[in-house]
Amino acid sequence: MTHLVVEGFVVLNASFYKSTSGNVLMEIWKEYAKADSRYVTRDSFVISMEAVTAFLWGPLSLLSVYAIAQQWTWRHMLQVVVSVGQLYGDALYFGTSYLEGRACAGVPHSRPEPLYFWFYFVFVNSIWVVIPALVLWRAACQVTRGAAAAEALAANNANAKKST
């Protein structure tokens, strides 16, 4: 839900930073933009990345939750896809910020106060790295166990056919 609501909101509301309405989502994004000004400048990469996050990873995350609740066998592969997509977006998000901050005469996208860079930009965004990494690890282990079990079953069936 976070992806759909929070990221989707910033993608669809280009002038959130001008609002004086007191809308909670606008206020959240105004505050976060102090940590990453690319949201206010409508940086094409950041907005595109957030659109993919909101409108692809968001619905697939909800589908993943439903698949887990229903114990569907393909839930593990869905978790792999969503987690890899999230981690790829994170790598590009941090990477472009780093390269642009260094390439543009050292001008960062964040205000200089530690709260904005270390807490908002680094810590809050690291949650979007740690959780998908853990989900990816767990799902990969499940897929590996399933593949090993299928291979063992196939080998047992082949051996059973040879002995008859």
C-alpha atoms as a PDB file:
ATOM      1  CA  MET A   1       0.000   0.000   0.000  1.00  0.00           C
ATOM      2  CA  THR A   2       2.888   2.361   0.737  1.00  0.00           C
ATOM      3  CA  HIS A   3       4.097   2.174  -2.850  1.00  0.00           C
ATOM      4  CA  LEU A   4       0.680   2.801  -4.339  1.00  0.00           C
ATOM      5  CA  VAL A   5      -0.350   5.596  -2.004  1.00  0.00           C
ATOM      6  CA  VAL A   6       2.840   7.434  -1.063  1.00  0.00           C
ATOM      7  CA  GLU A   7       4.955   7.044  -4.195  1.00  0.00           C
ATOM      8  CA  GLY A   8       1.925   7.174  -6.458  1.00  0.00           C
ATOM      9  CA  PHE A   9       0.936  10.469  -4.866  1.00  0.00           C
ATOM     10  CA  VAL A  10       4.240  12.189  -5.639  1.00  0.00           C
ATOM     11  CA  VAL A  11       4.190  10.912  -9.225  1.00  0.00           C
ATOM     12  CA  LEU A  12       0.679  12.248  -9.824  1.00  0.00           C
ATOM     13  CA  ASN A  13       1.063  15.546  -7.922  1.00  0.00           C
ATOM     14  CA  ALA A  14       3.806  17.567  -9.562  1.00  0.00           C
ATOM     15  CA  SER A  15       3.205  20.699  -7.521  1.00  0.00           C
ATOM     16  CA  PHE A  16       3.000  19.091  -4.074  1.00  0.00           C
ATOM     17  CA  TYR A  17       5.672  21.466  -2.791  1.00  0.00           C
ATOM     18  CA  LYS A  18       3.503  24.539  -3.517  1.00  0.00           C
ATOM     19  CA  SER A  19       0.520  23.326  -1.517  1.00  0.00           C
ATOM     20  CA  THR A  20      -0.594  25.037   1.661  1.00  0.00           C
ATOM     21  CA  SER A  21      -3.561  22.686   2.092  1.00  0.00           C
ATOM     22  CA  GLY A  22      -2.077  20.762   4.990  1.00  0.00           C
ATOM     23  CA  ASN A  23      -2.634  17.475   3.129  1.00  0.00           C
ATOM     24  CA  VAL A  24      -0.585  14.880   4.997  1.00  0.00           C
ATOM     25  CA  LEU A  25       0.935  13.337   1.865  1.00  0.00           C
ATOM     26  CA  MET A  26       1.928  16.734   0.498  1.00  0.00           C
ATOM     27  CA  GLU A  27       3.541  17.615   3.819  1.00  0.00           C
ATOM     28  CA  ILE A  28       5.428  14.300   3.900  1.00  0.00           C
ATOM     29  CA  TRP A  29       6.810  14.924   0.410  1.00  0.00           C
ATOM     30  CA  LYS A  30       7.668  18.552   1.166  1.00  0.00           C
ATOM     31  CA  GLU A  31       9.669  17.374   4.162  1.00  0.00           C
ATOM     32  CA  TYR A  32      11.316  14.497   2.282  1.00  0.00           C
ATOM     33  CA  ALA A  33      12.241  16.809  -0.614  1.00  0.00           C
ATOM     34  CA  LYS A  34      14.615  18.505   1.808  1.00  0.00           C
ATOM     35  CA  ALA A  35      16.563  15.239   1.769  1.00  0.00           C
ATOM     36  CA  ASP A  36      16.307  14.798  -1.990  1.00  0.00           C
ATOM     37  CA  SER A  37      15.513  17.886  -4.035  1.00  0.00           C
ATOM     38  CA  ARG A  38      15.087  15.804  -7.182  1.00  0.00           C
ATOM     39  CA  TYR A  39      11.425  15.354  -6.237  1.00  0.00           C
ATOM     40  CA  VAL A  40      10.803  19.109  -6.349  1.00  0.00           C
ATOM     41  CA  THR A  41      12.734  19.575  -9.595  1.00  0.00           C
ATOM     42  CA  ARG A  42      10.786  16.641 -11.051  1.00  0.00           C
ATOM     43  CA  ASP A  43      13.978  14.841 -12.013  1.00  0.00           C
ATOM     44  CA  SER A  44      13.033  12.529 -14.874  1.00  0.00           C
ATOM     45  CA  PHE A  45      14.807   9.512 -13.401  1.00  0.00           C
ATOM     46  CA  VAL A  46      13.365   9.885  -9.905  1.00  0.00           C
ATOM     47  CA  ILE A  47       9.803  10.414 -11.083  1.00  0.00           C
ATOM     48  CA  SER A  48      10.068   7.523 -13.579  1.00  0.00           C
ATOM     49  CA  MET A  49      11.515   5.264 -10.897  1.00  0.00           C
ATOM     50  CA  GLU A  50       8.750   6.232  -8.470  1.00  0.00           C
ATOM     51  CA  ALA A  51       6.128   5.578 -11.178  1.00  0.00           C
ATOM     52  CA  VAL A  52       7.476   2.044 -11.686  1.00  0.00           C
ATOM     53  CA  THR A  53       7.593   1.555  -7.913  1.00  0.00           C
ATOM     54  CA  ALA A  54       4.045   2.821  -7.414  1.00  0.00           C
ATOM     55  CA  PHE A  55       2.268   1.315 -10.382  1.00  0.00           C
ATOM     56  CA  LEU A  56       4.195  -1.934 -10.958  1.00  0.00           C
ATOM     57  CA  TRP A  57       5.875  -2.986  -7.695  1.00  0.00           C
ATOM     58  CA  GLY A  58       2.971  -1.689  -5.603  1.00  0.00           C
ATOM     59  CA  PRO A  59       0.267  -3.879  -7.195  1.00  0.00           C
ATOM     60  CA  LEU A  60       2.665  -6.833  -7.475  1.00  0.00           C
ATOM     61  CA  SER A  61       3.472  -6.466  -3.764  1.00  0.00           C
ATOM     62  CA  LEU A  62      -0.234  -6.621  -2.944  1.00  0.00           C
ATOM     63  CA  LEU A  63      -0.582  -9.658  -5.210  1.00  0.00           C
ATOM     64  CA  SER A  64       2.374 -11.199  -3.408  1.00  0.00           C
ATOM     65  CA  VAL A  65       0.686 -10.718  -0.023  1.00  0.00           C
ATOM     66  CA  TYR A  66      -2.461 -12.355  -1.403  1.00  0.00           C
ATOM     67  CA  ALA A  67      -0.425 -15.201  -2.914  1.00  0.00           C
ATOM     68  CA  ILE A  68       1.253 -15.800   0.451  1.00  0.00           C
ATOM     69  CA  ALA A  69      -2.107 -15.813   2.252  1.00  0.00           C
ATOM     70  CA  GLN A  70      -3.473 -18.291  -0.314  1.00  0.00           C
ATOM     71  CA  GLN A  71      -0.278 -20.415  -0.207  1.00  0.00           C
ATOM     72  CA  TRP A  72       0.034 -20.287  -3.987  1.00  0.00           C
ATOM     73  CA  THR A  73       3.127 -22.134  -5.158  1.00  0.00           C
ATOM     74  CA  TRP A  74       4.347 -19.291  -7.396  1.00  0.00           C
ATOM     75  CA  ARG A  75       4.395 -16.814  -4.499  1.00  0.00           C
ATOM     76  CA  HIS A  76       8.132 -17.311  -4.054  1.00  0.00           C
ATOM     77  CA  MET A  77       8.939 -16.381  -7.630  1.00  0.00           C
ATOM     78  CA  LEU A  78       6.701 -13.317  -7.364  1.00  0.00           C
ATOM     79  CA  GLN A  79       8.624 -12.285  -4.253  1.00  0.00           C
ATOM     80  CA  VAL A  80      11.888 -12.727  -6.166  1.00  0.00           C
ATOM     81  CA  VAL A  81      10.655 -10.544  -9.031  1.00  0.00           C
ATOM     82  CA  VAL A  82       9.345  -7.764  -6.770  1.00  0.00           C
ATOM     83  CA  SER A  83      12.417  -7.802  -4.540  1.00  0.00           C
ATOM     84  CA  VAL A  84      14.885  -7.715  -7.440  1.00  0.00           C
ATOM     85  CA  GLY A  85      12.898  -4.877  -9.000  1.00  0.00           C
ATOM     86  CA  GLN A  86      12.924  -2.933  -5.743  1.00  0.00           C
ATOM     87  CA  LEU A  87      16.659  -3.498  -5.215  1.00  0.00           C
ATOM     88  CA  TYR A  88      17.426  -2.482  -8.795  1.00  0.00           C
ATOM     89  CA  GLY A  89      15.471   0.736  -8.315  1.00  0.00           C
ATOM     90  CA  ASP A  90      17.313   1.359  -5.032  1.00  0.00           C
ATOM     91  CA  ALA A  91      20.693   0.857  -6.685  1.00  0.00           C
ATOM     92  CA  LEU A  92      19.812   3.317  -9.443  1.00  0.00           C
ATOM     93  CA  TYR A  93      18.318   5.786  -6.956  1.00  0.00           C
ATOM     94  CA  PHE A  94      21.412   5.861  -4.751  1.00  0.00           C
ATOM     95  CA  GLY A  95      23.761   5.577  -7.720  1.00  0.00           C
ATOM     96  CA  THR A  96      22.337   8.507  -9.640  1.00  0.00           C
ATOM     97  CA  SER A  97      22.320  10.649  -6.526  1.00  0.00           C
ATOM     98  CA  TYR A  98      25.942   9.799  -5.834  1.00  0.00           C
ATOM     99  CA  LEU A  99      27.108  10.365  -9.415  1.00  0.00           C
ATOM    100  CA  GLU A 100      25.133  13.563  -9.897  1.00  0.00           C
ATOM    101  CA  GLY A 101      26.256  14.932  -6.544  1.00  0.00           C
ATOM    102  CA  ARG A 102      29.878  14.328  -7.463  1.00  0.00           C
ATOM    103  CA  ALA A 103      29.637  15.205 -11.144  1.00  0.00           C
ATOM    104  CA  CYS A 104      27.906  18.554 -10.571  1.00  0.00           C
ATOM    105  CA  ALA A 105      30.775  20.234  -8.730  1.00  0.00           C
ATOM    106  CA  GLY A 106      29.900  18.424  -5.500  1.00  0.00           C
ATOM    107  CA  VAL A 107      26.368  19.859  -5.275  1.00  0.00           C
ATOM    108  CA  PRO A 108      24.295  17.293  -3.377  1.00  0.00           C
ATOM    109  CA  HIS A 109      20.544  16.890  -3.600  1.00  0.00           C
ATOM    110  CA  SER A 110      20.162  17.048   0.180  1.00  0.00           C
ATOM    111  CA  ARG A 111      20.257  19.840   2.702  1.00  0.00           C
ATOM    112  CA  PRO A 112      23.421  19.863   4.829  1.00  0.00           C
ATOM    113  CA  GLU A 113      21.780  19.086   8.180  1.00  0.00           C
ATOM    114  CA  PRO A 114      22.432  15.495   9.339  1.00  0.00           C
ATOM    115  CA  LEU A 115      18.697  14.811   9.795  1.00  0.00           C
ATOM    116  CA  TYR A 116      18.004  15.202   6.085  1.00  0.00           C
ATOM    117  CA  PHE A 117      20.901  13.240   4.687  1.00  0.00           C
ATOM    118  CA  TRP A 118      21.616  10.573   7.321  1.00  0.00           C
ATOM    119  CA  PHE A 119      18.123   9.950   8.641  1.00  0.00           C
ATOM    120  CA  TYR A 120      15.786  10.644   5.709  1.00  0.00           C
ATOM    121  CA  PHE A 121      17.993   9.840   2.749  1.00  0.00           C
ATOM    122  CA  VAL A 122      20.210   7.071   4.121  1.00  0.00           C
ATOM    123  CA  PHE A 123      18.294   5.419   6.982  1.00  0.00           C
ATOM    124  CA  VAL A 124      14.721   5.643   5.668  1.00  0.00           C
ATOM    125  CA  ASN A 125      15.764   4.514   2.197  1.00  0.00           C
ATOM    126  CA  SER A 126      17.890   1.684   3.605  1.00  0.00           C
ATOM    127  CA  ILE A 127      14.645   0.086   4.795  1.00  0.00           C
ATOM    128  CA  TRP A 128      13.776  -0.313   1.089  1.00  0.00           C
ATOM    129  CA  VAL A 129      17.066  -2.200   0.665  1.00  0.00           C
ATOM    130  CA  VAL A 130      17.110  -4.373   3.797  1.00  0.00           C
ATOM    131  CA  ILE A 131      13.545  -5.689   3.638  1.00  0.00           C
ATOM    132  CA  PRO A 132      13.601  -6.679  -0.062  1.00  0.00           C
ATOM    133  CA  ALA A 133      17.038  -8.266   0.441  1.00  0.00           C
ATOM    134  CA  LEU A 134      15.682 -10.398   3.285  1.00  0.00           C
ATOM    135  CA  VAL A 135      12.562 -11.317   1.293  1.00  0.00           C
ATOM    136  CA  LEU A 136      14.743 -12.167  -1.717  1.00  0.00           C
ATOM    137  CA  TRP A 137      16.998 -14.378   0.408  1.00  0.00           C
ATOM    138  CA  ARG A 138      14.039 -16.243   1.920  1.00  0.00           C
ATOM    139  CA  ALA A 139      12.285 -16.676  -1.430  1.00  0.00           C
ATOM    140  CA  ALA A 140      15.509 -17.810  -3.126  1.00  0.00           C
ATOM    141  CA  CYS A 141      16.009 -20.410  -0.384  1.00  0.00           C
ATOM    142  CA  GLN A 142      12.443 -21.671  -0.894  1.00  0.00           C
ATOM    143  CA  VAL A 143      12.868 -21.862  -4.679  1.00  0.00           C
ATOM    144  CA  THR A 144      16.200 -23.675  -4.247  1.00  0.00           C
ATOM    145  CA  ARG A 145      14.639 -26.198  -1.819  1.00  0.00           C
ATOM    146  CA  GLY A 146      11.763 -26.746  -4.237  1.00  0.00           C
ATOM    147  CA  ALA A 147      14.115 -27.298  -7.161  1.00  0.00           C
ATOM    148  CA  ALA A 148      16.223 -29.723  -5.116  1.00  0.00           C
ATOM    149  CA  ALA A 149      13.103 -31.664  -4.100  1.00  0.00           C
ATOM    150  CA  ALA A 150      11.906 -31.807  -7.717  1.00  0.00           C
ATOM    151  CA  GLU A 151      15.311 -33.049  -8.887  1.00  0.00           C
ATOM    152  CA  ALA A 152      15.405 -35.689  -6.156  1.00  0.00           C
ATOM    153  CA  LEU A 153      11.895 -36.846  -7.093  1.00  0.00           C
ATOM    154  CA  ALA A 154      12.851 -37.014 -10.775  1.00  0.00           C
ATOM    155  CA  ALA A 155      15.969 -39.046  -9.922  1.00  0.00           C
ATOM    156  CA  ASN A 156      13.909 -41.424  -7.751  1.00  0.00           C
ATOM    157  CA  ASN A 157      11.364 -41.856 -10.554  1.00  0.00           C
ATOM    158  CA  ALA A 158      14.154 -42.553 -13.071  1.00  0.00           C
ATOM    159  CA  ASN A 159      15.737 -45.108 -10.737  1.00  0.00           C
ATOM    160  CA  ALA A 160      12.336 -46.737 -10.119  1.00  0.00           C
ATOM    161  CA  LYS A 161      11.764 -47.120 -13.884  1.00  0.00           C
ATOM    162  CA  LYS A 162      15.209 -48.690 -14.362  1.00  0.00           C
ATOM    163  CA  SER A 163      14.591 -51.265 -11.648  1.00  0.00           C
ATOM    164  CA  THR A 164      11.254 -52.443 -13.057  1.00  0.00           C
END
